[in-house]
Protein backbone atom coordinates (compact mmCIF):
# COMPACT_ATOMS: atom_id res chain seq x y z
CA MET A 1 0.01 0.03 0.03
CA LYS A 2 2.83 2.31 0.82
CA ARG A 3 4.55 1.74 -2.30
CA LEU A 4 1.31 2.54 -4.31
CA THR A 5 1.20 5.69 -2.36
CA TYR A 6 4.86 6.69 -3.85
CA LEU A 7 4.56 5.18 -7.31
CA LEU A 8 1.30 7.09 -8.15
CA PRO A 9 2.85 10.55 -7.62
CA ILE A 10 6.06 9.40 -9.47
CA GLY A 11 3.81 7.96 -12.50
CA ILE A 12 1.89 11.64 -12.62
CA VAL A 13 5.03 13.16 -12.72
CA ALA A 14 6.46 10.88 -15.37
CA VAL A 15 3.18 11.35 -17.77
CA ALA A 16 3.61 15.14 -17.35
CA VAL A 17 7.28 14.93 -18.18
CA LEU A 18 6.60 13.16 -21.09
CA MET A 19 3.35 15.02 -22.05
CA ALA A 20 5.63 18.33 -22.05
CA SER A 21 8.54 16.80 -24.01
CA ILE A 22 6.17 15.73 -26.84
CA PHE A 23 5.15 18.50 -29.71
CA ILE A 24 3.24 18.09 -32.56
CA VAL A 25 4.29 19.67 -36.16
CA ASP A 26 1.42 20.25 -38.38
CA GLU A 27 1.65 19.88 -42.13
CA ARG A 28 0.97 23.13 -42.95
CA GLU A 29 3.91 24.46 -40.44
CA LYS A 30 7.86 24.47 -39.36
CA ALA A 31 9.19 24.34 -36.12
CA LEU A 32 12.10 25.42 -34.56
CA VAL A 33 13.31 23.94 -31.32
CA LEU A 34 14.97 26.71 -28.99
CA GLN A 35 16.99 26.09 -25.93
CA PHE A 36 17.63 29.36 -23.92
CA GLY A 37 16.77 31.37 -27.24
CA GLN A 38 19.64 29.27 -29.39
CA ILE A 39 18.02 27.24 -32.48
CA LYS A 40 18.53 23.47 -31.12
CA ARG A 41 16.47 21.69 -34.12
CA VAL A 42 14.55 22.52 -37.24
CA LYS A 43 11.07 20.16 -37.32
CA GLU A 44 9.76 20.81 -41.06
CA ASP A 45 7.98 17.38 -41.47
CA PRO A 46 4.89 17.05 -39.91
CA GLY A 47 4.43 14.49 -37.24
CA LEU A 48 5.33 13.89 -33.29
CA ALA A 49 8.88 15.25 -32.30
CA PHE A 50 10.26 15.48 -28.97
CA LYS A 51 12.23 18.03 -27.13
CA ILE A 52 14.10 18.61 -23.33
CA PRO A 53 11.00 19.86 -21.07
CA LEU A 54 11.35 23.27 -19.09
CA ILE A 55 14.72 23.61 -20.92
CA GLN A 56 13.87 23.84 -24.41
CA GLU A 57 10.63 25.46 -26.19
CA VAL A 58 8.99 25.17 -29.50
CA VAL A 59 8.38 27.80 -32.17
CA TYR A 60 6.06 27.49 -35.19
CA TYR A 61 5.76 29.42 -38.55
CA ASP A 62 3.68 28.97 -41.27
CA ASP A 63 4.80 27.16 -44.15
CA ARG A 64 1.99 28.35 -46.61
CA ILE A 65 2.17 31.03 -49.22
CA LEU A 66 1.01 33.95 -47.42
CA ALA A 67 -0.15 37.61 -48.74
CA LEU A 68 0.93 41.32 -47.85
CA ASP A 69 -0.65 44.63 -49.11
CA THR A 70 1.71 47.24 -49.33
CA ASP A 71 1.12 50.73 -48.29
CA THR A 72 0.03 53.25 -51.05
CA ILE A 73 3.04 55.41 -52.32
CA GLU A 74 3.65 58.10 -55.35
CA VAL A 75 5.64 57.30 -57.68
CA THR A 76 7.10 59.89 -60.97
CA PRO A 77 7.49 57.95 -64.11
CA SER A 78 9.86 59.69 -66.77
CA ASP A 79 7.03 61.62 -68.25
CA ASP A 80 6.84 63.47 -64.93
CA ARG A 81 2.94 62.47 -64.54
CA ARG A 82 2.93 61.19 -60.56
CA LEU A 83 0.67 58.21 -60.33
CA VAL A 84 -0.95 56.67 -56.84
CA VAL A 85 0.13 53.01 -56.62
CA ASP A 86 -0.32 50.26 -54.09
CA ALA A 87 0.39 46.41 -54.45
CA PHE A 88 -0.01 43.14 -52.82
CA ALA A 89 2.58 40.43 -52.98
CA ARG A 90 2.82 36.49 -52.07
CA TYR A 91 5.62 35.22 -50.14
CA ARG A 92 6.19 32.26 -47.79
CA ILE A 93 9.10 31.58 -45.35
CA ALA A 94 11.65 29.64 -47.11
CA ASP A 95 14.96 29.38 -44.60
CA VAL A 96 12.96 29.21 -40.80
CA VAL A 97 16.29 29.44 -39.25
CA GLN A 98 17.51 32.28 -41.17
CA PHE A 99 14.07 34.25 -40.43
CA ARG A 100 14.38 33.52 -36.70
CA GLN A 101 17.75 35.12 -37.03
CA ALA A 102 16.59 37.82 -39.06
CA VAL A 103 13.27 39.11 -37.15
CA GLY A 104 13.96 37.29 -34.01
CA VAL A 105 10.95 37.32 -31.62
CA GLY A 106 9.03 39.94 -33.70
CA GLY A 107 7.68 37.25 -36.24
CA VAL A 108 5.59 37.54 -39.03
CA ALA A 109 4.63 40.93 -38.41
CA ALA A 110 8.15 42.43 -38.13
CA ALA A 111 9.28 40.43 -41.53
CA GLU A 112 6.29 42.06 -43.03
CA THR A 113 7.49 45.48 -41.94
CA ARG A 114 10.62 45.20 -43.32
CA LEU A 115 9.14 43.45 -46.44
CA SER A 116 6.78 46.05 -47.26
CA SER A 117 9.62 48.48 -47.08
CA ILE A 118 11.56 46.35 -49.26
CA LEU A 119 8.72 46.35 -52.06
CA ASN A 120 8.14 50.13 -51.71
CA ALA A 121 11.55 50.95 -52.75
CA GLN A 122 11.77 48.32 -55.48
CA ILE A 123 8.41 49.81 -57.04
CA ARG A 124 9.50 53.23 -56.65
CA GLU A 125 12.86 52.15 -58.13
CA VAL A 126 11.47 50.12 -61.48
CA LEU A 127 8.65 52.58 -62.29
CA GLY A 128 10.77 55.87 -61.79
CA ALA A 129 13.21 54.25 -64.24
CA ASP A 130 14.06 55.79 -67.37
CA GLN A 131 11.99 54.78 -70.76
CA VAL A 132 9.02 53.84 -68.31
CA THR A 133 6.10 56.37 -68.70
CA SER A 134 2.41 56.01 -67.45
CA ASP A 135 1.05 55.09 -70.43
CA THR A 136 3.23 51.74 -69.95
CA ILE A 137 2.67 51.28 -66.24
CA LEU A 138 -1.09 51.63 -67.37
CA SER A 139 -0.92 49.25 -70.31
CA GLU A 140 -0.55 45.48 -70.54
CA ASP A 141 2.99 46.13 -70.12
CA ARG A 142 2.88 46.61 -66.70
CA ARG A 143 3.36 42.96 -66.45
CA GLY A 144 6.86 42.84 -67.33
CA LEU A 145 7.39 45.40 -64.36
CA MET A 146 5.70 43.63 -62.04
CA ASN A 147 8.03 40.84 -62.68
CA ARG A 148 11.14 42.54 -62.31
CA ILE A 149 9.81 44.08 -58.89
CA ARG A 150 9.58 40.56 -57.96
CA ASP A 151 12.70 39.47 -59.04
CA GLN A 152 14.39 42.93 -57.62
CA ALA A 153 12.79 42.20 -54.40
CA GLN A 154 13.73 38.91 -54.21
CA GLY A 155 17.23 39.44 -53.96
CA GLU A 156 16.61 41.89 -50.50
CA ALA A 157 13.95 39.45 -49.51
CA ARG A 158 16.58 36.01 -49.24
CA SER A 159 18.25 37.64 -46.48
CA LEU A 160 14.77 37.45 -44.44
CA GLY A 161 14.64 33.81 -45.28
CA LEU A 162 11.68 34.68 -47.33
CA ASN A 163 11.15 33.43 -50.84
CA VAL A 164 8.82 36.36 -52.94
CA VAL A 165 6.35 34.18 -54.76
CA ASP A 166 4.67 37.03 -56.79
CA VAL A 167 3.88 40.71 -56.61
CA ARG A 168 1.03 42.73 -58.07
CA LEU A 169 -0.26 45.97 -58.64
CA LYS A 170 -3.82 46.55 -57.66
CA GLN A 171 -4.71 50.28 -58.55
CA THR A 172 -2.61 52.93 -60.36
CA ASN A 173 -4.39 56.24 -60.38
CA LEU A 174 -3.47 59.58 -60.24
CA PRO A 175 -3.34 61.54 -57.52
CA GLU A 176 -6.68 64.12 -56.38
CA GLN A 177 -4.99 67.20 -57.47
CA ASN A 178 -3.63 65.88 -61.12
CA LEU A 179 -6.72 63.77 -61.34
CA ASN A 180 -8.77 66.81 -61.75
CA ALA A 181 -6.32 68.72 -63.80
CA THR A 182 -6.67 65.91 -66.27
CA PHE A 183 -10.30 65.85 -66.20
CA GLU A 184 -10.05 69.55 -66.96
CA ARG A 185 -7.73 69.10 -69.57
CA MET A 186 -10.05 66.36 -71.30
CA ARG A 187 -13.08 68.43 -71.20
CA ALA A 188 -11.08 70.97 -72.74
CA GLU A 189 -9.83 69.04 -75.45
CA ARG A 190 -13.68 67.59 -76.06
CA GLU A 191 -14.53 70.93 -76.15
CA ARG A 192 -11.98 72.21 -78.66
CA GLU A 193 -13.16 69.10 -80.65
CA ALA A 194 -16.64 69.84 -80.50
CA ALA A 195 -15.91 73.52 -81.39
CA ASP A 196 -13.66 72.18 -84.24
CA GLU A 197 -16.55 69.89 -85.65
CA ILE A 198 -18.96 72.81 -85.07
CA ALA A 199 -17.32 75.07 -87.23
CA ARG A 200 -16.80 72.54 -90.11
CA GLY A 201 -20.45 71.78 -89.73
CA ASN A 202 -21.12 75.39 -90.22
CA GLU A 203 -18.91 75.73 -93.17
CA ALA A 204 -20.39 72.79 -95.18
CA ALA A 205 -23.84 74.45 -94.38
CA GLN A 206 -22.61 77.48 -95.62
CA ARG A 207 -21.04 76.02 -99.08
CA VAL A 208 -24.64 73.89 -99.05
CA ARG A 209 -26.56 77.00 -98.57
CA ALA A 210 -24.43 79.09 -101.30
CA GLN A 211 -24.91 76.50 -103.67
CA ALA A 212 -28.67 76.18 -103.26
CA ASP A 213 -28.81 80.03 -103.50
CA ARG A 214 -26.65 80.05 -106.98
CA THR A 215 -28.68 77.17 -108.19
CA VAL A 216 -31.66 79.32 -107.52
CA VAL A 217 -30.54 82.43 -108.93
CA GLU A 218 -30.09 80.38 -112.21
CA LEU A 219 -32.87 78.57 -112.14
CA VAL A 220 -34.71 81.85 -111.78
CA SER A 221 -32.60 83.55 -114.52
CA GLU A 222 -33.04 80.80 -116.85
CA ALA A 223 -37.06 80.82 -116.36
CA ARG A 224 -37.00 84.35 -117.02
CA LYS A 225 -34.85 84.24 -120.12
CA GLU A 226 -37.22 81.47 -121.62
CA ALA A 227 -40.47 83.44 -120.30
CA GLU A 228 -38.95 86.48 -122.06
CA ILE A 229 -38.35 84.33 -125.07
CA VAL A 230 -41.78 83.03 -125.15
CA ARG A 231 -43.34 86.53 -124.42
CA GLY A 232 -41.29 87.98 -127.10
CA GLU A 233 -42.43 85.29 -129.11
CA ALA A 234 -46.24 85.37 -128.43
CA ASP A 235 -45.47 89.43 -129.12
CA ALA A 236 -44.46 88.85 -132.65
CA GLU A 237 -47.28 86.62 -133.21
CA ARG A 238 -49.84 88.61 -131.94
CA ASN A 239 -48.24 91.58 -133.89
CA GLY A 240 -48.03 89.41 -137.05
CA ILE A 241 -51.81 88.26 -136.62
CA TYR A 242 -52.65 92.15 -136.05
CA ALA A 243 -51.13 93.02 -138.97
CA GLN A 244 -52.81 90.15 -141.16
CA ALA A 245 -55.88 91.42 -139.97
CA TYR A 246 -55.16 94.95 -140.44
CA GLY A 247 -54.28 94.00 -143.82
CA ALA A 248 -57.40 92.12 -144.45
CA ASP A 249 -59.79 94.78 -143.41
CA GLN A 250 -59.07 97.95 -142.17
CA ASN A 251 -62.46 99.00 -141.08
CA PHE A 252 -62.96 96.30 -138.90
CA PHE A 253 -59.32 96.19 -137.28
CA GLN A 254 -60.22 99.91 -136.76
CA PHE A 255 -63.22 99.03 -134.72
CA TYR A 256 -61.84 95.88 -132.86
CA ARG A 257 -59.02 98.59 -131.55
CA SER A 258 -61.76 101.15 -130.42
CA LEU A 259 -63.83 98.32 -128.84
CA SER A 260 -60.51 97.47 -126.58
CA ALA A 261 -59.77 101.29 -126.32
CA TYR A 262 -63.68 101.57 -124.21
CA GLU A 263 -63.12 98.22 -122.38
CA GLU A 264 -59.98 99.83 -120.90
CA ALA A 265 -61.33 103.15 -120.45
CA LEU A 266 -64.60 102.47 -119.09
CA LYS A 267 -64.30 99.15 -117.00
CA GLY A 268 -63.04 101.08 -113.48
CA GLU A 269 -66.50 100.99 -111.28
CA ASN A 270 -65.34 105.25 -109.81
CA SER A 271 -64.32 106.13 -113.46
CA SER A 272 -65.71 109.41 -114.51
CA MET A 273 -65.12 111.18 -118.09
CA VAL A 274 -65.59 114.08 -119.69
CA ILE A 275 -65.51 113.96 -123.14
CA ALA A 276 -67.39 116.08 -125.89
CA PRO A 277 -70.16 114.20 -127.46
CA ASP A 278 -68.95 114.87 -131.13
CA SER A 279 -65.35 113.42 -129.81
CA GLU A 280 -63.70 111.32 -132.17
CA PHE A 281 -63.33 108.77 -129.27
CA PHE A 282 -66.97 108.05 -129.61
CA GLU A 283 -66.99 107.85 -133.39
CA PHE A 284 -68.59 104.50 -133.40
CA PHE A 285 -71.21 105.32 -131.52
CA LYS A 286 -72.46 107.44 -133.79
CA SER A 287 -74.01 104.92 -136.09
CA SER A 288 -74.82 101.43 -136.12
CA GLN A 289 -73.03 100.08 -138.47
CA PRO A 290 -69.08 100.34 -138.16
CA GLY A 291 -68.63 101.33 -141.72
CA ALA A 292 -70.88 104.01 -141.92
CA ALA A 293 -67.93 106.22 -140.28
CA GLU A 294 -66.93 106.53 -143.64
């Protein structure tokens, strides 16, 4: 009974020591075994492992690809049009020993701060290089620029034990003050183009109007010319008929002309005429026979 009393606490302590010496590494992690802050062992394969209780501790690091959003910065390409740029990167911890030595107890937070500074510096360097314009950054050619940023950042990130997998520019916009100036310039250009189109339209309309006026004048002139010709031919034909009639019967011709004169003189409603009764104007009123005047 006394042996059982002694063995039970010993067993409990042994189980506690055994449990404290066992640790598990997940397949998504890597682990470092530290002894008084010094790296004693690296555990990269998933499964059970052992450490010295109370003396050694285990630090876990994510082995998956991680994401990092950079701060928004301004860059000035070679054409001096400033752009507001922000990016995101994909990275992973490639060397946990070097990573621990580089960032210490700061871990992933400290590493991302330093990696963000590296990325921002490379973004400024690549996008501000010669022959890199804002049009290049905003076009499909920026894929090559992002690869250059990734490759150059990779060299510096390697000292942190990191592997930069990818870098992408999320947005590239003009600063607010430049954006307003650009909108005003675009509006002015569109207004100038509209004014040019209106001027060209007015010029075309003026040409059409002038051509129409000229056509009207030509048509009216031609119509008047033809009317004068027809009128002249009619007058000539009328005069010919008059001459022929006069030559055939002079008395009848005189009688007809007198009737026409009566008609023209007496057709007014308010006309008043004072003529002597024996006037030659009433020659044909003196006899019922036109030939009696002779």
